[in-house]
């Protein structure tokens, strides 16, 4: 998942600035680096993360860059840059061209402020927000028919930016309207139509920080519990948003920056990485909803603060840069174990016996046709010869060959084959359910003790606001009993959002079907082959 982490985690409404921005597919990254000269000027730098070892390529132009220039890496290796020039922003594409840097000017956007959104899921498009006094313009900087073009005008001042699907159609923004900040959805395929996404209470400020399109896990920040806190929910679920106590540590500011992808229909097992800032510096935090405990780890030396990504296999990738290694990546494989909650075993209900199918009526074979005997061969008549005693020596004579009898007009074509009946036997058995893997006793006990002291106090939840994004199919609703209230996050171990139905085995099998008797099909006389004459 592409991450754009903020430098100031205490002000979530401000446009976020990233030390390193990673492409949507994790292949490339880009940042502004500084020269080692006395002036310390800035220049764009592209990182390649898809190879066996990461490496960086400088994209220096004819003049140094300003520190407020924004970069966005694309999946094809080019880097989109937006530079402020007087009262407008010039948008270009940078790419390596031999020993130098190639640049393709796309156009300019006239706006007092321009904020790049995270890379689109397809990796080819680049969007930006231009907030104004009464409305915010959503711009498509790259990926359209020509240069930068406006996509939609949204009432209010918008910030943030989180993609809700893999197709790049639904975009979530935080909109300030009527003195409140609420998360809304923008449908890009319907001309930028908007709809509500988060509304925990009518008077609360609800912002969306991260979302995983695969599992539906949402990380939100809201003041509905009485103070600004982190909470989590599931996209499209009617369960309330929960605010765990472990995500509100004392003396530290917690900011999520990466989510584990490809956790289909399993939001509780999706890992989330946090940047933790306190009086002693910056370190890492890892949390899963099923574990309910925030694990803390020291950050690698030279970590580009707030930058990183999760792989589908549970590997946390953290880029860093030091004097000895200016382009490096630290990889942590599964820093937290997943403890599966115990499954509730439901006794199987009695299954009704399956009635055996009716017996198939046997088909009587057709009557045998009368056998026709072939015509008998008639020998030619032989005249009687009277023997005469020879008077002298008889001349040598050859033996007289008699004509062969005529052949029969009927030819034997072989035995008749019986017609095969339908197959008999019981049907194949029903598939069985695979047994679930239970956690070990030591791990389950340790996690139970950890959970007992983490989800107490003001840990609470509230409903995701009801509403559907136009044409998006994202349903978020609130129940009457929880509308406007805060639901505490109890220490339940089974908090799954999905369940799998177990197939019921049949109590009986159908009786075998009686096989048809063999049928003898005679050969009609008109179709019998004639013998060669």
Protein backbone atom coordinates (compact mmCIF):
# COMPACT_ATOMS: atom_id res chain seq x y z
CA UNK A 1 0.00 0.00 0.00
CA UNK A 2 1.36 3.43 -0.92
CA UNK A 3 2.13 5.63 2.05
CA UNK A 4 2.45 9.39 2.36
CA UNK A 5 3.20 10.06 6.02
CA UNK A 6 2.90 13.45 7.65
CA UNK A 7 5.73 15.36 9.23
CA UNK A 8 3.46 16.94 11.85
CA UNK A 9 1.31 14.20 13.30
CA UNK A 10 -0.40 16.52 15.75
CA UNK A 11 -2.14 18.44 12.94
CA UNK A 12 -3.97 15.85 10.81
CA UNK A 13 -5.96 18.46 8.90
CA UNK A 14 -2.89 20.10 7.35
CA UNK A 15 -1.54 18.94 3.97
CA UNK A 16 0.87 16.14 4.68
CA UNK A 17 4.47 16.27 3.53
CA UNK A 18 6.30 13.02 2.97
CA UNK A 19 10.00 12.40 3.43
CA UNK A 20 9.71 9.51 0.96
CA UNK A 21 6.72 8.65 -1.22
CA UNK A 22 6.37 5.05 -2.42
CA UNK A 23 4.60 4.10 -5.65
CA UNK A 24 1.31 2.22 -5.60
CA UNK A 25 2.92 -1.14 -6.43
CA UNK A 26 6.00 -0.60 -4.25
CA UNK A 27 8.41 -0.66 -7.20
CA UNK A 28 9.76 2.90 -6.95
CA UNK A 29 9.99 5.75 -4.48
CA UNK A 30 10.97 9.39 -4.64
CA UNK A 31 12.16 12.06 -2.22
CA UNK A 32 13.96 15.40 -2.06
CA UNK A 33 17.59 14.90 -1.03
CA UNK A 34 20.18 17.49 -0.08
CA UNK A 35 23.61 18.07 -1.57
CA UNK A 36 26.68 17.81 0.58
CA UNK A 37 27.82 21.27 -0.41
CA UNK A 38 27.78 24.30 1.84
CA UNK A 39 24.52 25.62 0.40
CA UNK A 40 22.70 22.33 1.04
CA UNK A 41 20.50 22.66 -2.04
CA UNK A 42 17.74 20.16 -2.80
CA UNK A 43 17.39 17.77 -5.74
CA UNK A 44 14.92 14.96 -6.62
CA UNK A 45 16.05 11.39 -6.07
CA UNK A 46 14.36 8.22 -7.31
CA UNK A 47 14.70 4.94 -5.45
CA UNK A 48 14.28 1.51 -7.07
CA UNK A 49 12.82 -0.99 -4.60
CA UNK A 50 11.77 -3.85 -6.90
CA UNK A 51 15.25 -5.25 -7.53
CA UNK A 52 17.35 -7.53 -5.33
CA UNK A 53 19.01 -4.48 -3.76
CA UNK A 54 17.67 -0.93 -3.59
CA UNK A 55 19.55 1.85 -5.35
CA UNK A 56 19.01 5.58 -5.87
CA UNK A 57 19.31 7.68 -9.03
CA UNK A 58 19.58 11.50 -8.76
CA UNK A 59 17.26 13.50 -11.02
CA UNK A 60 19.08 16.81 -10.96
CA UNK A 61 17.98 19.60 -13.21
CA UNK A 62 19.65 22.79 -14.36
CA UNK A 63 18.83 24.52 -11.09
CA UNK A 64 18.27 23.38 -7.50
CA UNK A 65 14.77 22.59 -6.29
CA UNK A 66 12.80 24.41 -3.64
CA UNK A 67 12.10 22.48 -0.41
CA UNK A 68 8.32 22.76 -0.97
CA UNK A 69 8.38 20.93 -4.33
CA UNK A 70 6.15 17.83 -4.25
CA UNK A 71 7.10 14.47 -5.81
CA UNK A 72 4.96 11.53 -6.87
CA UNK A 73 6.56 8.32 -8.25
CA UNK A 74 4.74 6.39 -10.97
CA UNK A 75 4.79 2.67 -11.71
CA UNK A 76 6.73 3.17 -14.98
CA UNK A 77 9.73 4.74 -13.20
CA UNK A 78 8.98 8.39 -13.97
CA UNK A 79 8.54 10.96 -11.20
CA UNK A 80 5.88 13.66 -11.27
CA UNK A 81 7.00 16.97 -9.74
CA UNK A 82 4.95 20.07 -8.92
CA UNK A 83 6.95 23.28 -8.49
CA UNK A 84 5.60 26.59 -7.26
CA UNK A 85 6.21 29.38 -9.81
CA UNK A 86 4.74 32.73 -8.68
CA UNK A 87 0.96 32.21 -8.35
CA UNK A 88 0.82 28.86 -10.14
CA UNK A 89 2.28 25.35 -10.01
CA UNK A 90 4.25 23.92 -12.93
CA UNK A 91 3.81 20.16 -13.37
CA UNK A 92 6.48 18.04 -15.11
CA UNK A 93 7.67 14.45 -15.44
CA UNK A 94 11.28 13.58 -14.57
CA UNK A 95 13.10 10.46 -15.77
CA UNK A 96 16.72 9.29 -16.14
CA UNK A 97 18.17 10.00 -19.59
CA UNK A 98 21.70 8.66 -19.80
CA UNK A 99 23.99 10.65 -17.53
CA UNK A 100 21.45 13.47 -17.20
CA UNK A 101 17.78 13.95 -16.42
CA UNK A 102 14.95 14.18 -18.93
CA UNK A 103 11.99 16.46 -18.22
CA UNK A 104 8.57 16.59 -19.88
CA UNK A 105 6.46 19.64 -19.09
CA UNK A 106 2.77 18.73 -18.62
CA UNK A 107 1.27 22.13 -17.86
CA UNK A 108 0.46 24.49 -15.03
CA UNK A 109 -2.27 24.83 -12.39
CA UNK A 110 -3.30 28.29 -11.24
CA UNK A 111 -4.01 27.93 -7.55
CA UNK A 112 -2.68 29.47 -4.34
CA UNK A 113 -2.18 25.99 -2.86
CA UNK A 114 -1.73 22.53 -4.40
CA UNK A 115 -1.40 19.23 -2.53
CA UNK A 116 -0.52 15.96 -4.25
CA UNK A 117 -2.69 12.97 -3.33
CA UNK A 118 -1.24 9.48 -2.75
CA UNK A 119 -0.52 7.57 -5.98
CA UNK A 120 -3.58 6.07 -7.62
CA UNK A 121 -3.87 2.27 -7.31
CA UNK A 122 -3.21 1.74 -11.04
CA UNK A 123 0.16 3.52 -10.73
CA UNK A 124 -0.32 5.67 -13.86
CA UNK A 125 -2.42 8.61 -12.68
CA UNK A 126 -1.60 11.53 -10.44
CA UNK A 127 -4.18 13.68 -8.62
CA UNK A 128 -3.95 16.85 -6.54
CA UNK A 129 -6.19 19.04 -4.39
CA UNK A 130 -6.41 22.81 -4.78
CA UNK A 131 -8.40 24.06 -1.76
CA UNK A 132 -10.09 27.43 -1.93
CA UNK A 133 -12.22 29.63 0.30
CA UNK A 134 -15.58 28.03 -0.55
CA UNK A 135 -14.73 24.90 -2.54
CA UNK A 136 -11.88 22.53 -3.39
CA UNK A 137 -10.91 21.58 -6.94
CA UNK A 138 -9.75 18.04 -7.65
CA UNK A 139 -7.15 18.03 -10.45
CA UNK A 140 -5.94 15.18 -12.64
CA UNK A 141 -2.32 16.13 -13.26
CA UNK A 142 -1.22 13.09 -15.28
CA UNK A 143 -3.10 10.24 -16.92
CA UNK A 144 -5.77 12.17 -18.80
CA UNK A 145 -6.20 13.15 -22.42
CA UNK A 146 -3.80 16.09 -22.23
CA UNK A 147 -2.21 18.14 -19.51
CA UNK A 148 -3.64 18.92 -16.06
CA UNK A 149 -7.44 19.06 -16.09
CA UNK A 150 -9.99 19.68 -13.31
CA UNK A 151 -12.10 16.68 -12.37
CA UNK A 152 -14.59 18.02 -9.81
CA UNK A 153 -15.35 20.94 -7.56
CA UNK A 154 -16.26 19.91 -4.02
CA UNK A 155 -17.98 22.34 -1.65
CA UNK A 156 -15.89 23.08 1.44
CA UNK A 157 -12.19 22.80 2.17
CA UNK A 158 -10.88 19.27 1.62
CA UNK A 159 -7.67 17.62 2.81
CA UNK A 160 -6.26 14.14 3.35
CA UNK A 161 -6.87 11.57 0.63
CA UNK A 162 -7.29 7.77 0.91
CA UNK A 163 -8.16 5.31 -1.88
CA UNK A 164 -10.97 2.90 -1.04
CA UNK A 165 -10.71 0.42 -3.94
CA UNK A 166 -8.10 -1.12 -6.22
CA UNK A 167 -9.65 0.34 -9.37
CA UNK A 168 -8.99 3.95 -8.34
CA UNK A 169 -12.64 4.99 -8.51
CA UNK A 170 -13.54 5.84 -4.90
CA UNK A 171 -11.52 8.50 -3.10
CA UNK A 172 -12.06 9.47 0.54
CA UNK A 173 -11.41 13.09 1.61
CA UNK A 174 -11.75 15.02 4.86
CA UNK A 175 -14.06 17.99 4.25
CA UNK A 176 -14.50 20.99 6.52
CA UNK A 177 -18.08 22.17 6.24
CA UNK A 178 -20.30 24.14 8.64
CA UNK A 179 -17.64 24.14 11.34
CA UNK A 180 -17.20 20.32 11.34
CA UNK A 181 -14.82 17.94 9.59
CA UNK A 182 -16.32 14.77 8.13
CA UNK A 183 -14.93 12.10 5.83
CA UNK A 184 -16.70 11.89 2.47
CA UNK A 185 -16.37 9.76 -0.66
CA UNK A 186 -15.79 11.06 -4.19
CA UNK A 187 -16.84 8.91 -7.15
CA UNK A 188 -14.45 9.72 -10.00
CA UNK A 189 -16.45 7.78 -12.60
CA UNK A 190 -19.55 9.90 -11.96
CA UNK A 191 -18.03 13.32 -12.33
CA UNK A 192 -16.90 13.62 -8.73
CA UNK A 193 -20.22 12.93 -6.96
CA UNK A 194 -19.81 13.01 -3.19
CA UNK A 195 -21.43 11.10 -0.35
CA UNK A 196 -20.95 10.74 3.42
CA UNK A 197 -18.51 8.17 4.76
CA UNK A 198 -17.98 8.86 8.48
CA UNK A 199 -20.41 10.42 10.91
CA UNK A 200 -19.88 9.04 14.39
CA UNK A 201 -21.90 11.83 16.00
CA UNK A 202 -23.39 15.00 14.57
CA UNK A 203 -21.00 17.27 16.49
CA UNK A 204 -17.80 15.20 16.20
CA UNK A 205 -14.87 15.74 13.84
CA UNK A 206 -14.25 12.45 12.04
CA UNK A 207 -11.25 11.99 9.75
CA UNK A 208 -10.07 8.94 7.80
CA UNK A 209 -6.33 8.24 8.06
CA UNK A 210 -5.79 4.87 6.32
CA UNK A 211 -7.87 2.22 4.59
CA UNK A 212 -7.14 -1.19 3.13
CA UNK A 213 -9.31 -1.99 0.08
CA UNK A 214 -8.85 -5.77 0.49
CA UNK A 215 -9.88 -6.32 4.11
CA UNK A 216 -11.93 -3.13 4.54
CA UNK A 217 -10.06 -2.05 7.68
CA UNK A 218 -10.31 1.69 8.42
CA UNK A 219 -8.16 3.79 10.76
CA UNK A 220 -9.96 6.96 11.85
CA UNK A 221 -9.27 9.90 14.15
CA UNK A 222 -12.23 11.42 15.98
CA UNK A 223 -13.07 13.47 19.04
CA UNK A 224 -16.33 11.61 19.63
CA UNK A 225 -14.98 9.91 22.81
CA UNK A 226 -14.39 13.36 24.34
CA UNK A 227 -10.87 13.91 23.03
CA UNK A 228 -9.04 13.33 19.77
CA UNK A 229 -8.28 9.59 19.59
CA UNK A 230 -7.55 6.80 17.10
CA UNK A 231 -10.18 4.21 16.30
CA UNK A 232 -10.83 1.42 13.84
CA UNK A 233 -13.79 0.10 11.91
CA UNK A 234 -14.68 -1.99 8.87
CA UNK A 235 -15.85 -0.49 5.60
CA UNK A 236 -19.48 -1.39 4.91
CA UNK A 237 -20.01 -2.96 8.35
CA UNK A 238 -22.79 -2.05 10.79
CA UNK A 239 -20.54 -2.64 13.78
CA UNK A 240 -19.51 0.50 15.67
CA UNK A 241 -16.12 2.17 15.44
CA UNK A 242 -13.91 1.17 18.38
CA UNK A 243 -11.29 3.27 20.13
CA UNK A 244 -8.85 0.88 21.86
CA UNK A 245 -6.98 2.15 24.89
CA UNK A 246 -3.70 0.72 23.57
CA UNK A 247 -3.80 3.18 20.64
CA UNK A 248 -3.85 6.11 23.07
CA UNK A 249 -0.56 5.77 24.97
CA UNK A 250 0.43 8.40 27.50
CA UNK A 251 3.27 10.70 26.47
CA UNK A 252 3.38 9.68 22.78
CA UNK A 253 1.69 10.70 19.55
CA UNK A 254 0.65 7.75 17.38
CA UNK A 255 0.28 8.13 13.59
CA UNK A 256 -0.49 5.16 11.27
CA UNK A 257 1.47 5.01 8.02
CA UNK A 258 1.14 1.49 6.53
CA UNK A 259 -1.38 -1.37 6.39
CA UNK A 260 -0.88 -4.98 5.40
CA UNK A 261 -2.66 -5.70 2.07
CA UNK A 262 -4.28 -8.83 0.63
CA UNK A 263 -6.07 -9.84 3.85
CA UNK A 264 -9.33 -10.71 2.14
CA UNK A 265 -12.32 -10.49 4.50
CA UNK A 266 -10.00 -10.61 7.54
CA UNK A 267 -9.71 -7.06 8.93
CA UNK A 268 -8.88 -8.34 12.43
CA UNK A 269 -5.66 -9.99 11.19
CA UNK A 270 -4.50 -6.98 9.14
CA UNK A 271 -1.28 -5.49 10.57
CA UNK A 272 -0.87 -1.74 10.94
CA UNK A 273 2.45 0.11 11.40
CA UNK A 274 2.56 3.32 13.46
CA UNK A 275 5.02 6.14 13.85
CA UNK A 276 5.36 7.03 17.53
CA UNK A 277 6.76 10.42 18.57
CA UNK A 278 7.59 11.32 22.14
CA UNK A 279 10.08 13.08 24.36
CA UNK A 280 12.69 10.37 23.71
CA UNK A 281 12.51 10.54 19.92
CA UNK A 282 10.71 8.46 17.28
CA UNK A 283 10.12 4.72 17.28
CA UNK A 284 7.82 2.10 15.71
CA UNK A 285 4.56 0.54 16.76
CA UNK A 286 2.81 -2.54 15.31
CA UNK A 287 -0.80 -3.46 16.07
CA UNK A 288 -3.49 -5.86 14.92
CA UNK A 289 -7.15 -5.71 15.97
CA UNK A 290 -7.13 -9.40 16.92
CA UNK A 291 -4.12 -9.05 19.24
CA UNK A 292 -5.30 -5.80 20.90
CA UNK A 293 -1.85 -4.80 21.99
CA UNK A 294 0.48 -2.17 20.54
CA UNK A 295 3.95 -3.65 20.18
CA UNK A 296 6.77 -1.11 20.20
CA UNK A 297 10.15 -1.46 18.44
CA UNK A 298 13.15 0.83 17.93
CA UNK A 299 13.33 2.41 14.50
CA UNK A 300 16.34 1.57 12.27
CA UNK A 301 19.10 4.13 12.15
CA UNK A 302 18.53 6.73 9.47
CA UNK A 303 14.89 5.75 8.97
CA UNK A 304 13.07 8.14 6.66
CA UNK A 305 10.47 8.99 9.25
CA UNK A 306 6.94 7.94 8.40
CA UNK A 307 7.86 6.01 5.24
CA UNK A 308 7.34 2.27 4.76
CA UNK A 309 5.02 -0.40 3.47
CA UNK A 310 3.69 -3.84 4.30
CA UNK A 311 3.97 -6.73 1.89
CA UNK A 312 1.20 -9.30 1.44
CA UNK A 313 3.37 -11.90 3.22
CA UNK A 314 3.57 -9.84 6.42
CA UNK A 315 6.97 -8.20 5.85
CA UNK A 316 7.44 -4.60 6.98
CA UNK A 317 9.76 -2.62 4.68
CA UNK A 318 11.38 0.50 6.15
CA UNK A 319 13.65 2.66 3.92
CA UNK A 320 16.58 4.45 5.54
CA UNK A 321 19.54 6.58 4.50
CA UNK A 322 22.83 6.97 6.40
CA UNK A 323 26.26 8.35 5.57
CA UNK A 324 27.61 4.83 5.08
CA UNK A 325 24.56 3.59 3.16
CA UNK A 326 22.64 6.39 1.41
CA UNK A 327 19.97 4.01 0.07
CA UNK A 328 18.97 1.11 2.29
CA UNK A 329 15.90 -0.90 3.25
CA UNK A 330 15.30 -2.63 6.57
CA UNK A 331 12.97 -5.63 6.45
CA UNK A 332 11.18 -7.08 9.44
CA UNK A 333 9.34 -10.37 8.91
CA UNK A 334 6.19 -10.78 11.00
CA UNK A 335 7.15 -8.69 14.03
CA UNK A 336 3.93 -9.71 15.76
CA UNK A 337 2.26 -13.10 15.94
CA UNK A 338 -1.38 -13.51 15.14
CA UNK A 339 -3.42 -15.23 17.85
CA UNK A 340 -6.57 -16.66 16.39
CA UNK A 341 -9.58 -16.26 18.70
CA UNK A 342 -11.24 -19.52 19.73
CA UNK A 343 -14.03 -20.62 17.47
CA UNK A 344 -17.46 -21.32 18.84
CA UNK A 345 -18.37 -24.90 17.94
CA UNK A 346 -22.04 -25.17 17.02
CA UNK A 347 -23.49 -28.69 17.32
CA UNK A 348 -24.69 -29.91 13.95
CA UNK A 349 -28.42 -30.04 13.44
CA UNK A 350 -30.01 -33.33 12.51
CA UNK A 351 -30.10 -33.80 8.80
CA UNK A 352 -33.18 -35.17 7.16
CA UNK A 353 -32.68 -38.47 5.41
CA UNK A 354 -32.46 -38.22 1.70
CA UNK A 355 -35.17 -40.22 0.01
CA UNK A 356 -33.95 -42.72 -2.45
CA UNK A 357 -34.87 -42.03 -6.06
CA UNK A 358 -37.60 -44.05 -7.66
CA UNK A 359 -36.59 -47.17 -9.44
CA UNK A 360 -36.16 -46.74 -13.12
CA UNK A 361 -38.54 -48.86 -15.12
CA UNK A 362 -36.80 -51.38 -17.24
CA UNK A 363 -37.27 -51.04 -20.95
CA UNK A 364 -38.29 -54.20 -22.68
CA UNK A 365 -35.99 -55.15 -25.52
CA UNK A 366 -37.47 -55.05 -29.00
CA UNK A 367 -38.76 -58.27 -30.47
CA UNK A 368 -36.32 -60.35 -32.35
CA UNK A 369 -36.62 -60.15 -36.13
CA UNK A 370 -37.20 -63.30 -38.10
CA UNK A 371 -33.92 -64.77 -39.24
CA UNK A 372 -33.77 -65.07 -43.03
CA UNK A 373 -31.88 -68.04 -44.32
CA UNK A 374 -29.67 -67.39 -47.33
CA UNK A 375 -30.58 -69.04 -50.63
CA UNK A 376 -29.04 -72.41 -51.14
CA UNK A 377 -26.50 -72.82 -53.90
CA UNK A 378 -27.91 -74.87 -56.85
CA UNK A 379 -25.39 -77.08 -58.62
CA UNK A 380 -25.58 -77.13 -62.40
CA UNK A 381 -27.05 -80.29 -63.93
CA UNK A 382 -24.50 -82.95 -64.89
CA UNK A 383 -25.18 -85.16 -67.87
CA UNK A 384 -24.51 -88.88 -67.56
CA UNK A 385 -21.67 -90.14 -69.75
CA UNK A 386 -21.51 -93.76 -70.93
CA UNK A 387 -18.12 -95.36 -70.48
CA UNK A 388 -16.63 -96.74 -73.70
CA UNK A 389 -13.72 -99.09 -73.67
CA UNK A 390 -10.82 -97.50 -75.40
CA UNK A 391 -9.62 -99.10 -78.60
CA UNK A 392 -6.12 -97.74 -78.51
CA UNK A 393 -3.91 -95.72 -76.23
CA UNK A 394 -5.73 -92.75 -74.75
CA UNK A 395 -4.21 -89.32 -75.38
CA UNK A 396 -3.20 -87.35 -72.31
CA UNK A 397 -6.03 -85.14 -71.15
CA UNK A 398 -6.12 -82.40 -68.57
CA UNK A 399 -8.56 -82.75 -65.66
CA UNK A 400 -11.85 -81.03 -66.10
CA UNK A 401 -12.41 -78.25 -63.54
CA UNK A 402 -15.91 -77.92 -62.32
CA UNK A 403 -17.29 -74.40 -61.75
CA UNK A 404 -17.27 -73.23 -58.13
CA UNK A 405 -20.63 -72.98 -56.42
CA UNK A 406 -21.99 -69.42 -56.18
CA UNK A 407 -21.26 -67.51 -52.94
CA UNK A 408 -23.93 -66.69 -50.45
CA UNK A 409 -25.40 -63.18 -50.86
CA UNK A 410 -25.32 -62.69 -47.03
CA UNK A 411 -22.25 -61.68 -45.12
CA UNK A 412 -21.64 -62.16 -41.40
CA UNK A 413 -21.10 -58.73 -39.82
CA UNK A 414 -20.26 -59.92 -36.29
CA UNK A 415 -22.14 -60.24 -33.02
CA UNK A 416 -24.52 -57.50 -32.01
CA UNK A 417 -23.33 -55.27 -29.13
CA UNK A 418 -25.75 -54.61 -26.29
CA UNK A 419 -26.69 -50.99 -25.48
CA UNK A 420 -25.02 -49.78 -22.26
CA UNK A 421 -27.34 -48.64 -19.53
CA UNK A 422 -26.89 -45.65 -17.13
CA UNK A 423 -24.05 -45.92 -14.57
CA UNK A 424 -24.98 -47.25 -11.20
CA UNK A 425 -23.61 -46.65 -7.74
CA UNK A 426 -23.94 -44.08 -4.95
CA UNK A 427 -23.07 -40.41 -5.61
CA UNK A 428 -19.80 -38.92 -4.48
CA UNK A 429 -19.52 -37.91 -0.82
CA UNK A 430 -19.93 -34.41 0.53
CA UNK A 431 -16.76 -32.39 1.13
CA UNK A 432 -15.77 -31.95 4.72
CA UNK A 433 -14.63 -28.82 6.52
CA UNK A 434 -10.96 -28.37 7.26
CA UNK A 435 -10.12 -28.30 10.96
CA UNK A 436 -9.15 -24.93 12.41
CA UNK A 437 -5.69 -24.42 13.79
CA UNK A 438 -5.85 -23.60 17.50
CA UNK A 439 -3.23 -21.42 19.24
CA UNK A 440 -0.85 -22.92 21.67
CA UNK A 441 -1.62 -22.67 25.39
CA UNK A 442 1.34 -20.47 26.25
CA UNK A 443 0.66 -17.96 23.49
CA UNK A 444 -3.06 -17.82 24.22
CA UNK A 445 -2.42 -17.25 27.89
CA UNK A 446 0.09 -14.51 27.25
CA UNK A 447 -2.22 -12.71 24.87
CA UNK A 448 -5.14 -13.04 27.30
CA UNK A 449 -3.09 -11.39 30.06
CA UNK A 450 -2.04 -8.62 27.67
CA UNK A 451 -5.60 -8.01 26.52
CA UNK A 452 -6.89 -7.83 30.06
CA UNK A 453 -5.02 -4.61 30.72
CA UNK A 454 -5.25 -2.82 27.39
CA UNK A 455 -8.92 -2.38 26.39
CA UNK A 456 -10.37 -0.63 29.44
CA UNK A 457 -11.31 2.87 30.42
CA UNK A 458 -12.49 5.21 27.68
CA UNK A 459 -12.01 2.57 25.00
CA UNK A 460 -15.24 3.02 23.06
CA UNK A 461 -16.82 2.88 19.62
CA UNK A 462 -19.47 4.53 17.53
CA UNK A 463 -21.21 3.77 14.29
CA UNK A 464 -19.95 4.64 10.85
CA UNK A 465 -22.32 7.17 9.34
CA UNK A 466 -25.11 5.87 7.16
CA UNK A 467 -24.88 6.78 3.53
CA UNK A 468 -23.85 5.36 0.21
CA UNK A 469 -21.41 6.84 -2.26
CA UNK A 470 -23.16 7.35 -5.58
CA UNK A 471 -22.60 4.31 -7.74
CA UNK A 472 -19.98 2.96 -5.36
CA UNK A 473 -21.86 0.34 -3.41
CA UNK A 474 -20.23 1.36 -0.12
CA UNK A 475 -22.85 1.00 2.59
CA UNK A 476 -22.24 2.51 6.02
CA UNK A 477 -25.12 2.74 8.47
CA UNK A 478 -25.72 3.29 12.18
CA UNK A 479 -28.06 1.32 14.42
CA UNK A 480 -30.70 3.18 16.47
CA UNK A 481 -29.40 1.91 19.74
CA UNK A 482 -25.83 3.07 19.05
CA UNK A 483 -26.61 6.29 17.21
CA UNK A 484 -24.66 9.06 18.89
CA UNK A 485 -23.33 6.80 21.62
CA UNK A 486 -19.93 5.33 22.41
CA UNK A 487 -19.68 1.55 22.64
CA UNK A 488 -16.80 0.29 24.82
CA UNK A 489 -14.32 -2.10 23.22
CA UNK A 490 -14.70 -5.09 25.56
CA UNK A 491 -12.16 -7.82 26.01
CA UNK A 492 -13.98 -10.25 23.79
CA UNK A 493 -11.69 -12.59 21.98
CA UNK A 494 -14.08 -13.44 19.16
CA UNK A 495 -14.54 -10.18 17.26
CA UNK A 496 -14.56 -11.52 13.76
CA UNK A 497 -16.63 -9.78 11.15
CA UNK A 498 -17.12 -12.81 8.93
CA UNK A 499 -18.03 -16.41 9.54
CA UNK A 500 -17.89 -19.47 7.35
CA UNK A 501 -20.81 -21.88 7.07
CA UNK A 502 -19.94 -25.53 7.77
CA UNK A 503 -21.39 -27.99 5.23
CA UNK A 504 -23.78 -30.56 6.68
CA UNK A 505 -23.11 -34.19 5.86
CA UNK A 506 -26.01 -36.21 4.49
CA UNK A 507 -27.37 -38.87 6.82
CA UNK A 508 -28.07 -41.31 4.02
CA UNK A 509 -27.10 -42.06 0.49
CA UNK A 510 -29.51 -42.74 -2.39
CA UNK A 511 -30.06 -46.31 -3.44
CA UNK A 512 -28.14 -47.48 -6.47
CA UNK A 513 -30.01 -47.23 -9.71
CA UNK A 514 -30.75 -50.50 -11.43
CA UNK A 515 -28.81 -50.87 -14.62
CA UNK A 516 -30.67 -51.27 -17.91
CA UNK A 517 -30.59 -54.81 -19.34
CA UNK A 518 -28.60 -55.26 -22.51
CA UNK A 519 -30.49 -54.63 -25.67
CA UNK A 520 -30.06 -56.59 -28.90
CA UNK A 521 -30.54 -54.48 -31.94
CA UNK A 522 -30.92 -56.58 -35.17
CA UNK A 523 -29.67 -55.35 -38.48
CA UNK A 524 -32.47 -54.52 -40.94
CA UNK A 525 -32.37 -56.30 -44.26
CA UNK A 526 -32.18 -53.08 -46.20
CA UNK A 527 -28.96 -52.10 -44.38
CA UNK A 528 -27.19 -55.45 -44.58
CA UNK A 529 -24.04 -55.25 -46.72
CA UNK A 530 -23.95 -57.28 -49.89
CA UNK A 531 -21.13 -59.69 -50.59
CA UNK A 532 -18.77 -59.03 -53.45
CA UNK A 533 -19.78 -60.84 -56.55
